[in-house]
C-alpha atoms as a PDB file:
ATOM      1  CA  UNK A   1     -22.466  58.178   9.181  1.00  0.00           C
ATOM      2  CA  UNK A   2     -21.704  58.881   5.584  1.00  0.00           C
ATOM      3  CA  UNK A   3     -22.030  55.875   3.112  1.00  0.00           C
ATOM      4  CA  UNK A   4     -18.346  55.234   2.428  1.00  0.00           C
ATOM      5  CA  UNK A   5     -17.791  55.076   5.939  1.00  0.00           C
ATOM      6  CA  UNK A   6     -20.452  52.685   6.847  1.00  0.00           C
ATOM      7  CA  UNK A   7     -19.426  50.435   3.831  1.00  0.00           C
ATOM      8  CA  UNK A   8     -15.362  50.902   5.154  1.00  0.00           C
ATOM      9  CA  UNK A   9     -16.873  49.817   8.947  1.00  0.00           C
ATOM     10  CA  UNK A  10     -18.926  46.540   7.734  1.00  0.00           C
ATOM     11  CA  UNK A  11     -16.395  45.297   5.233  1.00  0.00           C
ATOM     12  CA  UNK A  12     -13.740  45.480   7.858  1.00  0.00           C
ATOM     13  CA  UNK A  13     -16.340  43.451   9.904  1.00  0.00           C
ATOM     14  CA  UNK A  14     -17.024  41.517   7.477  1.00  0.00           C
ATOM     15  CA  UNK A  15     -13.269  40.724   7.172  1.00  0.00           C
ATOM     16  CA  UNK A  16     -13.054  40.212  10.820  1.00  0.00           C
ATOM     17  CA  UNK A  17     -15.686  38.268  10.867  1.00  0.00           C
ATOM     18  CA  UNK A  18     -14.651  35.723   7.548  1.00  0.00           C
ATOM     19  CA  UNK A  19     -11.060  35.495   9.521  1.00  0.00           C
ATOM     20  CA  UNK A  20     -13.012  34.101  12.592  1.00  0.00           C
ATOM     21  CA  UNK A  21     -14.928  31.423  10.515  1.00  0.00           C
ATOM     22  CA  UNK A  22     -11.903  30.354   8.621  1.00  0.00           C
ATOM     23  CA  UNK A  23     -10.101  29.962  12.056  1.00  0.00           C
ATOM     24  CA  UNK A  24     -13.049  28.329  13.286  1.00  0.00           C
ATOM     25  CA  UNK A  25     -13.237  26.321  10.221  1.00  0.00           C
ATOM     26  CA  UNK A  26      -9.455  25.025  11.279  1.00  0.00           C
ATOM     27  CA  UNK A  27      -9.796  21.493  12.262  1.00  0.00           C
ATOM     28  CA  UNK A  28      -9.022  20.578  15.717  1.00  0.00           C
ATOM     29  CA  UNK A  29      -5.218  19.354  16.140  1.00  0.00           C
ATOM     30  CA  UNK A  30      -4.109  17.838  19.199  1.00  0.00           C
ATOM     31  CA  UNK A  31       0.051  16.704  19.359  1.00  0.00           C
ATOM     32  CA  UNK A  32       1.479  13.821  21.212  1.00  0.00           C
ATOM     33  CA  UNK A  33       4.832  13.156  22.619  1.00  0.00           C
ATOM     34  CA  UNK A  34       6.171  10.208  24.310  1.00  0.00           C
ATOM     35  CA  UNK A  35       9.099  11.646  26.294  1.00  0.00           C
ATOM     36  CA  UNK A  36      11.516   9.092  28.247  1.00  0.00           C
ATOM     37  CA  UNK A  37      14.936  10.633  30.660  1.00  0.00           C
ATOM     38  CA  UNK A  38      13.852  14.240  28.512  1.00  0.00           C
ATOM     39  CA  UNK A  39      16.702  16.561  27.942  1.00  0.00           C
ATOM     40  CA  UNK A  40      16.512  20.502  28.287  1.00  0.00           C
ATOM     41  CA  UNK A  41      16.305  20.129  24.730  1.00  0.00           C
ATOM     42  CA  UNK A  42      12.989  18.710  24.560  1.00  0.00           C
ATOM     43  CA  UNK A  43      12.007  22.098  25.669  1.00  0.00           C
ATOM     44  CA  UNK A  44      12.237  23.895  22.440  1.00  0.00           C
ATOM     45  CA  UNK A  45      10.957  21.560  20.680  1.00  0.00           C
ATOM     46  CA  UNK A  46       8.017  21.339  22.558  1.00  0.00           C
ATOM     47  CA  UNK A  47       7.460  24.887  22.491  1.00  0.00           C
ATOM     48  CA  UNK A  48       7.963  25.574  19.054  1.00  0.00           C
ATOM     49  CA  UNK A  49       5.306  22.334  18.349  1.00  0.00           C
ATOM     50  CA  UNK A  50       2.551  24.010  20.846  1.00  0.00           C
ATOM     51  CA  UNK A  51       2.543  26.893  18.750  1.00  0.00           C
ATOM     52  CA  UNK A  52       0.963  25.159  15.679  1.00  0.00           C
ATOM     53  CA  UNK A  53      -1.213  23.006  17.521  1.00  0.00           C
ATOM     54  CA  UNK A  54      -4.639  23.438  19.794  1.00  0.00           C
ATOM     55  CA  UNK A  55      -3.369  21.514  22.855  1.00  0.00           C
ATOM     56  CA  UNK A  56      -0.481  19.654  23.251  1.00  0.00           C
ATOM     57  CA  UNK A  57       0.060  15.825  25.206  1.00  0.00           C
ATOM     58  CA  UNK A  58       3.379  15.063  26.938  1.00  0.00           C
ATOM     59  CA  UNK A  59       3.238  11.925  27.834  1.00  0.00           C
ATOM     60  CA  UNK A  60       6.064  10.530  30.003  1.00  0.00           C
ATOM     61  CA  UNK A  61       7.018   6.839  30.038  1.00  0.00           C
ATOM     62  CA  UNK A  62       8.106   6.350  33.770  1.00  0.00           C
ATOM     63  CA  UNK A  63      11.058   8.491  33.550  1.00  0.00           C
ATOM     64  CA  UNK A  64      10.761   8.955  37.426  1.00  0.00           C
ATOM     65  CA  UNK A  65      11.619  12.161  39.586  1.00  0.00           C
ATOM     66  CA  UNK A  66      14.655  12.536  37.428  1.00  0.00           C
ATOM     67  CA  UNK A  67      12.792  14.292  34.546  1.00  0.00           C
ATOM     68  CA  UNK A  68       9.833  16.592  37.026  1.00  0.00           C
ATOM     69  CA  UNK A  69      12.176  19.438  36.175  1.00  0.00           C
ATOM     70  CA  UNK A  70      12.326  19.112  32.874  1.00  0.00           C
ATOM     71  CA  UNK A  71       8.489  18.443  32.800  1.00  0.00           C
ATOM     72  CA  UNK A  72       7.677  21.189  35.134  1.00  0.00           C
ATOM     73  CA  UNK A  73       9.467  23.515  32.012  1.00  0.00           C
ATOM     74  CA  UNK A  74       7.481  21.615  29.325  1.00  0.00           C
ATOM     75  CA  UNK A  75       4.091  22.565  31.103  1.00  0.00           C
ATOM     76  CA  UNK A  76       5.032  26.370  30.976  1.00  0.00           C
ATOM     77  CA  UNK A  77       5.723  26.098  27.448  1.00  0.00           C
ATOM     78  CA  UNK A  78       1.690  25.095  26.961  1.00  0.00           C
ATOM     79  CA  UNK A  79       1.863  20.904  27.430  1.00  0.00           C
ATOM     80  CA  UNK A  80      -0.698  19.169  29.116  1.00  0.00           C
ATOM     81  CA  UNK A  81       1.331  16.092  31.288  1.00  0.00           C
ATOM     82  CA  UNK A  82       0.362  12.574  31.226  1.00  0.00           C
ATOM     83  CA  UNK A  83       2.797  10.616  33.471  1.00  0.00           C
ATOM     84  CA  UNK A  84       2.560   6.641  33.538  1.00  0.00           C
ATOM     85  CA  UNK A  85       3.702   5.034  36.195  1.00  0.00           C
ATOM     86  CA  UNK A  86       6.340   2.709  34.411  1.00  0.00           C
ATOM     87  CA  UNK A  87       7.971   2.217  31.692  1.00  0.00           C
ATOM     88  CA  UNK A  88       5.549   0.825  28.989  1.00  0.00           C
ATOM     89  CA  UNK A  89       7.510   1.593  25.391  1.00  0.00           C
ATOM     90  CA  UNK A  90       6.446   4.469  23.146  1.00  0.00           C
ATOM     91  CA  UNK A  91       3.363   1.988  21.988  1.00  0.00           C
ATOM     92  CA  UNK A  92       1.707   2.959  24.676  1.00  0.00           C
ATOM     93  CA  UNK A  93       2.829   6.084  25.514  1.00  0.00           C
ATOM     94  CA  UNK A  94       1.577   7.290  22.315  1.00  0.00           C
ATOM     95  CA  UNK A  95      -2.009   5.379  22.809  1.00  0.00           C
ATOM     96  CA  UNK A  96      -2.515   7.291  26.595  1.00  0.00           C
ATOM     97  CA  UNK A  97      -2.131  10.690  24.326  1.00  0.00           C
ATOM     98  CA  UNK A  98      -4.086   9.645  21.476  1.00  0.00           C
ATOM     99  CA  UNK A  99      -6.850   8.526  23.835  1.00  0.00           C
ATOM    100  CA  UNK A 100      -6.928  11.669  25.703  1.00  0.00           C
ATOM    101  CA  UNK A 101      -6.618  13.756  22.470  1.00  0.00           C
ATOM    102  CA  UNK A 102      -9.817  12.307  20.950  1.00  0.00           C
ATOM    103  CA  UNK A 103     -11.955  12.235  23.924  1.00  0.00           C
ATOM    104  CA  UNK A 104     -10.828  15.658  23.776  1.00  0.00           C
ATOM    105  CA  UNK A 105     -12.289  16.465  20.265  1.00  0.00           C
ATOM    106  CA  UNK A 106      -9.202  16.536  18.269  1.00  0.00           C
ATOM    107  CA  UNK A 107      -9.629  15.829  14.610  1.00  0.00           C
ATOM    108  CA  UNK A 108      -6.311  15.145  13.911  1.00  0.00           C
ATOM    109  CA  UNK A 109      -3.330  14.016  16.189  1.00  0.00           C
ATOM    110  CA  UNK A 110       0.576  14.760  15.216  1.00  0.00           C
ATOM    111  CA  UNK A 111       3.089  12.304  16.866  1.00  0.00           C
ATOM    112  CA  UNK A 112       6.781  12.640  17.175  1.00  0.00           C
ATOM    113  CA  UNK A 113       9.290  11.698  18.958  1.00  0.00           C
ATOM    114  CA  UNK A 114      10.912  13.976  22.018  1.00  0.00           C
ATOM    115  CA  UNK A 115      14.028  14.528  19.553  1.00  0.00           C
ATOM    116  CA  UNK A 116      12.638  15.359  16.853  1.00  0.00           C
ATOM    117  CA  UNK A 117      11.780  19.369  15.864  1.00  0.00           C
ATOM    118  CA  UNK A 118       9.198  20.048  13.735  1.00  0.00           C
ATOM    119  CA  UNK A 119       9.445  23.220  11.331  1.00  0.00           C
ATOM    120  CA  UNK A 120       7.385  26.364  11.403  1.00  0.00           C
ATOM    121  CA  UNK A 121       3.914  25.654   8.937  1.00  0.00           C
ATOM    122  CA  UNK A 122       4.492  21.755   9.560  1.00  0.00           C
ATOM    123  CA  UNK A 123       0.995  21.206  10.941  1.00  0.00           C
ATOM    124  CA  UNK A 124      -0.635  23.523   8.339  1.00  0.00           C
ATOM    125  CA  UNK A 125       1.423  22.231   5.664  1.00  0.00           C
ATOM    126  CA  UNK A 126       0.041  18.739   6.675  1.00  0.00           C
ATOM    127  CA  UNK A 127      -3.798  19.732   7.203  1.00  0.00           C
ATOM    128  CA  UNK A 128      -3.585  21.235   3.672  1.00  0.00           C
ATOM    129  CA  UNK A 129      -2.510  17.676   2.335  1.00  0.00           C
ATOM    130  CA  UNK A 130      -5.437  16.444   3.679  1.00  0.00           C
ATOM    131  CA  UNK A 131      -7.907  19.143   2.148  1.00  0.00           C
ATOM    132  CA  UNK A 132      -6.267  18.797  -1.060  1.00  0.00           C
ATOM    133  CA  UNK A 133      -6.905  15.148  -1.137  1.00  0.00           C
ATOM    134  CA  UNK A 134     -10.851  14.069  -2.588  1.00  0.00           C
ATOM    135  CA  UNK A 135     -12.481  11.212  -1.170  1.00  0.00           C
ATOM    136  CA  UNK A 136     -11.089   8.595  -3.586  1.00  0.00           C
ATOM    137  CA  UNK A 137      -7.527   8.986  -2.328  1.00  0.00           C
ATOM    138  CA  UNK A 138      -8.811   8.706   1.003  1.00  0.00           C
ATOM    139  CA  UNK A 139      -5.442   9.883   2.599  1.00  0.00           C
ATOM    140  CA  UNK A 140      -4.932   8.541   6.575  1.00  0.00           C
ATOM    141  CA  UNK A 141      -1.789   9.701   7.280  1.00  0.00           C
ATOM    142  CA  UNK A 142       0.730  12.345   6.203  1.00  0.00           C
ATOM    143  CA  UNK A 143       4.161  12.583   7.058  1.00  0.00           C
ATOM    144  CA  UNK A 144       7.206  14.277   6.534  1.00  0.00           C
ATOM    145  CA  UNK A 145       8.678  15.357   2.963  1.00  0.00           C
ATOM    146  CA  UNK A 146      12.344  14.923   4.029  1.00  0.00           C
ATOM    147  CA  UNK A 147      14.447  13.846   6.853  1.00  0.00           C
ATOM    148  CA  UNK A 148      17.478  15.944   7.887  1.00  0.00           C
ATOM    149  CA  UNK A 149      17.624  17.117   4.372  1.00  0.00           C
ATOM    150  CA  UNK A 150      17.112  13.466   3.437  1.00  0.00           C
ATOM    151  CA  UNK A 151      13.747  13.594   1.012  1.00  0.00           C
ATOM    152  CA  UNK A 152      11.713  11.249   0.689  1.00  0.00           C
ATOM    153  CA  UNK A 153      10.718   9.477  -2.866  1.00  0.00           C
ATOM    154  CA  UNK A 154       7.100   8.620  -3.456  1.00  0.00           C
ATOM    155  CA  UNK A 155       6.586   4.752  -4.191  1.00  0.00           C
ATOM    156  CA  UNK A 156       2.964   6.544  -6.292  1.00  0.00           C
ATOM    157  CA  UNK A 157       1.341   9.808  -6.801  1.00  0.00           C
ATOM    158  CA  UNK A 158      -2.441  10.269  -6.513  1.00  0.00           C
ATOM    159  CA  UNK A 159      -4.277  11.478  -9.247  1.00  0.00           C
ATOM    160  CA  UNK A 160      -4.218  15.208  -7.093  1.00  0.00           C
ATOM    161  CA  UNK A 161      -0.173  15.011  -7.842  1.00  0.00           C
ATOM    162  CA  UNK A 162       0.290  13.998  -4.121  1.00  0.00           C
ATOM    163  CA  UNK A 163       3.261  11.383  -2.946  1.00  0.00           C
ATOM    164  CA  UNK A 164       2.203   8.460  -1.602  1.00  0.00           C
ATOM    165  CA  UNK A 165       4.508   6.480   0.083  1.00  0.00           C
ATOM    166  CA  UNK A 166       3.514   2.619   2.087  1.00  0.00           C
ATOM    167  CA  UNK A 167       5.896   3.221   5.099  1.00  0.00           C
ATOM    168  CA  UNK A 168       7.167   5.968   7.468  1.00  0.00           C
ATOM    169  CA  UNK A 169       8.465   6.636  10.199  1.00  0.00           C
ATOM    170  CA  UNK A 170       5.511   7.741  12.858  1.00  0.00           C
ATOM    171  CA  UNK A 171       8.004  10.795  13.990  1.00  0.00           C
ATOM    172  CA  UNK A 172       5.893  13.983  12.593  1.00  0.00           C
ATOM    173  CA  UNK A 173       2.872  11.616  11.470  1.00  0.00           C
ATOM    174  CA  UNK A 174      -0.480  13.763  11.010  1.00  0.00           C
ATOM    175  CA  UNK A 175      -2.835  11.251  11.839  1.00  0.00           C
ATOM    176  CA  UNK A 176      -6.704  11.570  11.213  1.00  0.00           C
ATOM    177  CA  UNK A 177     -10.050  10.980  13.596  1.00  0.00           C
ATOM    178  CA  UNK A 178     -11.570   8.475  11.189  1.00  0.00           C
ATOM    179  CA  UNK A 179      -7.899   6.516  10.842  1.00  0.00           C
ATOM    180  CA  UNK A 180      -7.753   5.642  14.163  1.00  0.00           C
ATOM    181  CA  UNK A 181     -11.567   5.128  14.358  1.00  0.00           C
ATOM    182  CA  UNK A 182     -11.178   2.140  12.037  1.00  0.00           C
ATOM    183  CA  UNK A 183      -7.792   0.740  11.922  1.00  0.00           C
ATOM    184  CA  UNK A 184      -7.423   0.906  16.021  1.00  0.00           C
ATOM    185  CA  UNK A 185      -4.663   2.267  17.558  1.00  0.00           C
ATOM    186  CA  UNK A 186      -0.859   1.723  18.503  1.00  0.00           C
ATOM    187  CA  UNK A 187      -0.217  -2.534  18.889  1.00  0.00           C
ATOM    188  CA  UNK A 188       1.548  -1.984  22.593  1.00  0.00           C
ATOM    189  CA  UNK A 189       2.390  -5.568  22.207  1.00  0.00           C
ATOM    190  CA  UNK A 190       5.550  -4.701  20.146  1.00  0.00           C
ATOM    191  CA  UNK A 191       6.916  -1.902  22.770  1.00  0.00           C
ATOM    192  CA  UNK A 192       9.146  -0.105  20.663  1.00  0.00           C
ATOM    193  CA  UNK A 193      10.361  -0.958  17.671  1.00  0.00           C
ATOM    194  CA  UNK A 194       8.327  -1.878  14.298  1.00  0.00           C
ATOM    195  CA  UNK A 195       5.344   0.472  15.571  1.00  0.00           C
ATOM    196  CA  UNK A 196       5.088   2.480  13.097  1.00  0.00           C
ATOM    197  CA  UNK A 197       6.087  -0.046  10.683  1.00  0.00           C
ATOM    198  CA  UNK A 198       2.748  -2.336  12.176  1.00  0.00           C
ATOM    199  CA  UNK A 199       0.708   0.651  12.015  1.00  0.00           C
ATOM    200  CA  UNK A 200       1.377   1.599   8.234  1.00  0.00           C
ATOM    201  CA  UNK A 201       0.657  -1.811   7.130  1.00  0.00           C
ATOM    202  CA  UNK A 202      -2.794  -1.917   8.986  1.00  0.00           C
ATOM    203  CA  UNK A 203      -3.635   1.498   8.173  1.00  0.00           C
ATOM    204  CA  UNK A 204      -3.217   0.525   4.341  1.00  0.00           C
ATOM    205  CA  UNK A 205      -4.994  -2.713   4.923  1.00  0.00           C
ATOM    206  CA  UNK A 206      -8.065  -0.602   6.348  1.00  0.00           C
ATOM    207  CA  UNK A 207      -8.102   1.172   2.580  1.00  0.00           C
ATOM    208  CA  UNK A 208      -6.107   4.447   3.200  1.00  0.00           C
ATOM    209  CA  UNK A 209      -3.385   5.760   2.156  1.00  0.00           C
ATOM    210  CA  UNK A 210      -0.301   7.203   3.519  1.00  0.00           C
ATOM    211  CA  UNK A 211       0.927  10.707   1.935  1.00  0.00           C
ATOM    212  CA  UNK A 212       4.046  12.972   2.310  1.00  0.00           C
ATOM    213  CA  UNK A 213       3.585  16.794   2.786  1.00  0.00           C
ATOM    214  CA  UNK A 214       5.583  18.050  -0.170  1.00  0.00           C
ATOM    215  CA  UNK A 215       8.426  20.767   0.910  1.00  0.00           C
ATOM    216  CA  UNK A 216       8.467  19.969   4.632  1.00  0.00           C
ATOM    217  CA  UNK A 217      11.753  18.578   6.093  1.00  0.00           C
ATOM    218  CA  UNK A 218      11.787  18.038   9.877  1.00  0.00           C
ATOM    219  CA  UNK A 219      15.071  17.499  11.943  1.00  0.00           C
ATOM    220  CA  UNK A 220      15.240  13.809  14.195  1.00  0.00           C
ATOM    221  CA  UNK A 221      17.998  11.896  15.415  1.00  0.00           C
ATOM    222  CA  UNK A 222      18.439   8.865  13.647  1.00  0.00           C
ATOM    223  CA  UNK A 223      20.908   7.039  15.820  1.00  0.00           C
ATOM    224  CA  UNK A 224      24.654   7.027  16.954  1.00  0.00           C
ATOM    225  CA  UNK A 225      27.082   6.121  13.954  1.00  0.00           C
ATOM    226  CA  UNK A 226      29.764   3.889  15.280  1.00  0.00           C
ATOM    227  CA  UNK A 227      33.141   2.843  12.866  1.00  0.00           C
ATOM    228  CA  UNK A 228      32.720  -0.552  11.626  1.00  0.00           C
ATOM    229  CA  UNK A 229      35.513  -2.980  13.451  1.00  0.00           C
ATOM    230  CA  UNK A 230      34.574  -6.403  12.605  1.00  0.00           C
ATOM    231  CA  UNK A 231      36.573  -8.506  15.199  1.00  0.00           C
ATOM    232  CA  UNK A 232      38.467  -5.491  15.827  1.00  0.00           C
ATOM    233  CA  UNK A 233      39.537  -4.622  12.223  1.00  0.00           C
ATOM    234  CA  UNK A 234      38.931  -1.386  10.324  1.00  0.00           C
ATOM    235  CA  UNK A 235      37.067  -2.520   7.374  1.00  0.00           C
ATOM    236  CA  UNK A 236      34.394  -1.540   4.992  1.00  0.00           C
ATOM    237  CA  UNK A 237      31.135  -3.182   5.722  1.00  0.00           C
ATOM    238  CA  UNK A 238      29.080  -4.488   2.799  1.00  0.00           C
ATOM    239  CA  UNK A 239      27.755  -0.804   1.803  1.00  0.00           C
ATOM    240  CA  UNK A 240      31.326   0.356   1.570  1.00  0.00           C
ATOM    241  CA  UNK A 241      31.241   2.425   4.803  1.00  0.00           C
ATOM    242  CA  UNK A 242      33.608   2.694   7.577  1.00  0.00           C
ATOM    243  CA  UNK A 243      30.747   2.872   9.856  1.00  0.00           C
ATOM    244  CA  UNK A 244      27.031   1.800  10.209  1.00  0.00           C
ATOM    245  CA  UNK A 245      24.217   2.940  12.546  1.00  0.00           C
ATOM    246  CA  UNK A 246      24.157   1.288  16.251  1.00  0.00           C
ATOM    247  CA  UNK A 247      21.505   0.357  18.177  1.00  0.00           C
ATOM    248  CA  UNK A 248      22.042  -0.881  21.719  1.00  0.00           C
ATOM    249  CA  UNK A 249      21.243  -4.622  22.669  1.00  0.00           C
ATOM    250  CA  UNK A 250      18.273  -3.752  23.934  1.00  0.00           C
ATOM    251  CA  UNK A 251      17.173  -2.390  21.457  1.00  0.00           C
ATOM    252  CA  UNK A 252      18.463  -4.947  19.122  1.00  0.00           C
ATOM    253  CA  UNK A 253      16.437  -7.831  20.831  1.00  0.00           C
ATOM    254  CA  UNK A 254      12.965  -5.460  19.892  1.00  0.00           C
ATOM    255  CA  UNK A 255      14.199  -4.945  16.192  1.00  0.00           C
ATOM    256  CA  UNK A 256      15.002  -8.599  15.685  1.00  0.00           C
ATOM    257  CA  UNK A 257      12.152  -9.822  17.650  1.00  0.00           C
ATOM    258  CA  UNK A 258       9.513  -7.657  16.045  1.00  0.00           C
ATOM    259  CA  UNK A 259      10.387  -7.885  12.252  1.00  0.00           C
ATOM    260  CA  UNK A 260      10.232 -11.225  12.534  1.00  0.00           C
ATOM    261  CA  UNK A 261       6.769 -11.007  13.970  1.00  0.00           C
ATOM    262  CA  UNK A 262       5.485  -8.206  11.510  1.00  0.00           C
ATOM    263  CA  UNK A 263       6.888 -10.792   9.042  1.00  0.00           C
ATOM    264  CA  UNK A 264       4.889 -13.607  10.453  1.00  0.00           C
ATOM    265  CA  UNK A 265       1.672 -11.268  10.088  1.00  0.00           C
ATOM    266  CA  UNK A 266       2.252  -9.806   6.998  1.00  0.00           C
ATOM    267  CA  UNK A 267       3.883 -12.559   4.821  1.00  0.00           C
ATOM    268  CA  UNK A 268       0.606 -14.138   2.749  1.00  0.00           C
ATOM    269  CA  UNK A 269      -1.018 -10.047   2.465  1.00  0.00           C
ATOM    270  CA  UNK A 270       2.006  -8.481   1.319  1.00  0.00           C
ATOM    271  CA  UNK A 271       4.662 -11.374   0.080  1.00  0.00           C
ATOM    272  CA  UNK A 272       7.161  -8.643  -1.651  1.00  0.00           C
ATOM    273  CA  UNK A 273       7.422  -6.619   1.810  1.00  0.00           C
ATOM    274  CA  UNK A 274       8.082  -9.377   3.968  1.00  0.00           C
ATOM    275  CA  UNK A 275      10.889 -10.631   1.531  1.00  0.00           C
ATOM    276  CA  UNK A 276      12.622  -7.016   1.275  1.00  0.00           C
ATOM    277  CA  UNK A 277      12.204  -6.937   5.320  1.00  0.00           C
ATOM    278  CA  UNK A 278      14.276  -9.634   5.880  1.00  0.00           C
ATOM    279  CA  UNK A 279      16.877  -8.868   3.019  1.00  0.00           C
ATOM    280  CA  UNK A 280      17.341  -5.486   4.870  1.00  0.00           C
ATOM    281  CA  UNK A 281      17.276  -6.369   8.539  1.00  0.00           C
ATOM    282  CA  UNK A 282      20.156  -9.209   7.949  1.00  0.00           C
ATOM    283  CA  UNK A 283      22.802  -6.843   7.249  1.00  0.00           C
ATOM    284  CA  UNK A 284      22.357  -4.740  10.153  1.00  0.00           C
ATOM    285  CA  UNK A 285      22.462  -7.635  12.243  1.00  0.00           C
ATOM    286  CA  UNK A 286      25.186  -9.208  11.385  1.00  0.00           C
ATOM    287  CA  UNK A 287      26.830  -6.019  11.375  1.00  0.00           C
ATOM    288  CA  UNK A 288      26.249  -5.603  15.184  1.00  0.00           C
ATOM    289  CA  UNK A 289      27.435  -9.144  16.245  1.00  0.00           C
ATOM    290  CA  UNK A 290      31.009  -9.071  14.031  1.00  0.00           C
ATOM    291  CA  UNK A 291      31.444  -5.028  14.640  1.00  0.00           C
ATOM    292  CA  UNK A 292      30.651  -4.420  18.149  1.00  0.00           C
ATOM    293  CA  UNK A 293      30.633  -2.956  20.824  1.00  0.00           C
ATOM    294  CA  UNK A 294      28.881  -5.133  23.014  1.00  0.00           C
ATOM    295  CA  UNK A 295      29.198  -7.872  20.339  1.00  0.00           C
ATOM    296  CA  UNK A 296      28.221 -11.010  22.682  1.00  0.00           C
ATOM    297  CA  UNK A 297      25.304  -9.222  24.047  1.00  0.00           C
ATOM    298  CA  UNK A 298      24.403  -8.172  20.425  1.00  0.00           C
ATOM    299  CA  UNK A 299      24.742 -11.922  19.624  1.00  0.00           C
ATOM    300  CA  UNK A 300      22.253 -13.188  22.869  1.00  0.00           C
ATOM    301  CA  UNK A 301      19.601 -10.279  21.855  1.00  0.00           C
ATOM    302  CA  UNK A 302      19.496 -11.576  18.194  1.00  0.00           C
ATOM    303  CA  UNK A 303      19.666 -14.971  18.642  1.00  0.00           C
ATOM    304  CA  UNK A 304      16.714 -14.558  21.903  1.00  0.00           C
ATOM    305  CA  UNK A 305      14.435 -11.586  19.562  1.00  0.00           C
ATOM    306  CA  UNK A 306      15.227 -14.391  16.766  1.00  0.00           C
ATOM    307  CA  UNK A 307      13.437 -17.128  18.769  1.00  0.00           C
ATOM    308  CA  UNK A 308      10.792 -14.860  20.755  1.00  0.00           C
ATOM    309  CA  UNK A 309       9.941 -13.677  17.277  1.00  0.00           C
ATOM    310  CA  UNK A 310       9.562 -17.115  15.646  1.00  0.00           C
ATOM    311  CA  UNK A 311       7.654 -18.503  18.676  1.00  0.00           C
ATOM    312  CA  UNK A 312       5.482 -15.226  18.838  1.00  0.00           C
ATOM    313  CA  UNK A 313       6.330 -14.139  22.443  1.00  0.00           C
ATOM    314  CA  UNK A 314       5.074 -10.270  22.361  1.00  0.00           C
ATOM    315  CA  UNK A 315       5.094  -7.816  25.175  1.00  0.00           C
ATOM    316  CA  UNK A 316       8.275  -6.758  27.392  1.00  0.00           C
ATOM    317  CA  UNK A 317      11.508  -8.023  27.209  1.00  0.00           C
ATOM    318  CA  UNK A 318      11.617 -10.576  30.370  1.00  0.00           C
ATOM    319  CA  UNK A 319      13.436  -8.913  33.086  1.00  0.00           C
ATOM    320  CA  UNK A 320      16.421 -10.974  33.828  1.00  0.00           C
ATOM    321  CA  UNK A 321      17.609 -10.570  29.828  1.00  0.00           C
ATOM    322  CA  UNK A 322      16.580  -7.096  29.798  1.00  0.00           C
ATOM    323  CA  UNK A 323      19.507  -6.737  32.885  1.00  0.00           C
ATOM    324  CA  UNK A 324      21.710  -8.631  31.223  1.00  0.00           C
ATOM    325  CA  UNK A 325      21.379  -6.241  27.915  1.00  0.00           C
ATOM    326  CA  UNK A 326      21.562  -3.130  30.166  1.00  0.00           C
ATOM    327  CA  UNK A 327      24.142  -3.549  32.486  1.00  0.00           C
ATOM    328  CA  UNK A 328      26.785  -1.587  32.966  1.00  0.00           C
END
């Protein structure tokens, strides 16, 4: 074989070996997605996500047989299905998947909601942010730069120029293994609301920082917008808007209870944050009570949630209260 030909083959082989080494160098990434009564859109979301990670765990949170068809199709696009026998809340579902991911060697775990669509290249952009950070910055979580086109506004900037935030929604989180090992898993006592907020606070208290992956934008359903009609009158609310973000009375109970719980937990270490939480939650709670729909149930949810938060009552909502707040 001529020298030039041998050289070409060697360079080609070297390039292939280099590519293999680069692939091997990529950390193992798992995704964990809790589902509850998933619809057909979840199949497309999981197909998109499965192509960005090494393994995808879909944890169904007690949906029952009605979800079997969708979950079968989700499994067909490459997901591993974990079924919880009863509905235990998003924190427990996330933890079930994270434990499995860590046990099987994941170095990073991506968390998303079932109604979130991560764009192509999202996970790689988050990993690149981790790689860019130095040890002093000590990243624990990387999240989206924007949600539905609405950009994050970093509170700080690291020495490397990475935007840092104090908290973010958990959908789109990419969390390092070290963070889980040192800060622990999600707090299952909160069940559904404030789970991400509590985790962000705990992660930061352990010395980690939360960064945005610059240029990323995820699609995420933030909730239903309904007309603001205090006592049936069409009026603007405190922000001047004629609509507000509506949560069911069932969710309202957890929102009120868990926010009060977090204020108790953090007021000594983070008094300004605690004051900000109180300020930002009073308005939406009043909107729900005076506007509705289901004003009376929202009033009951707010009052009972407030009492339970004050007395640090955690865990699933009492069965009788749940039946009252969710009955049709």
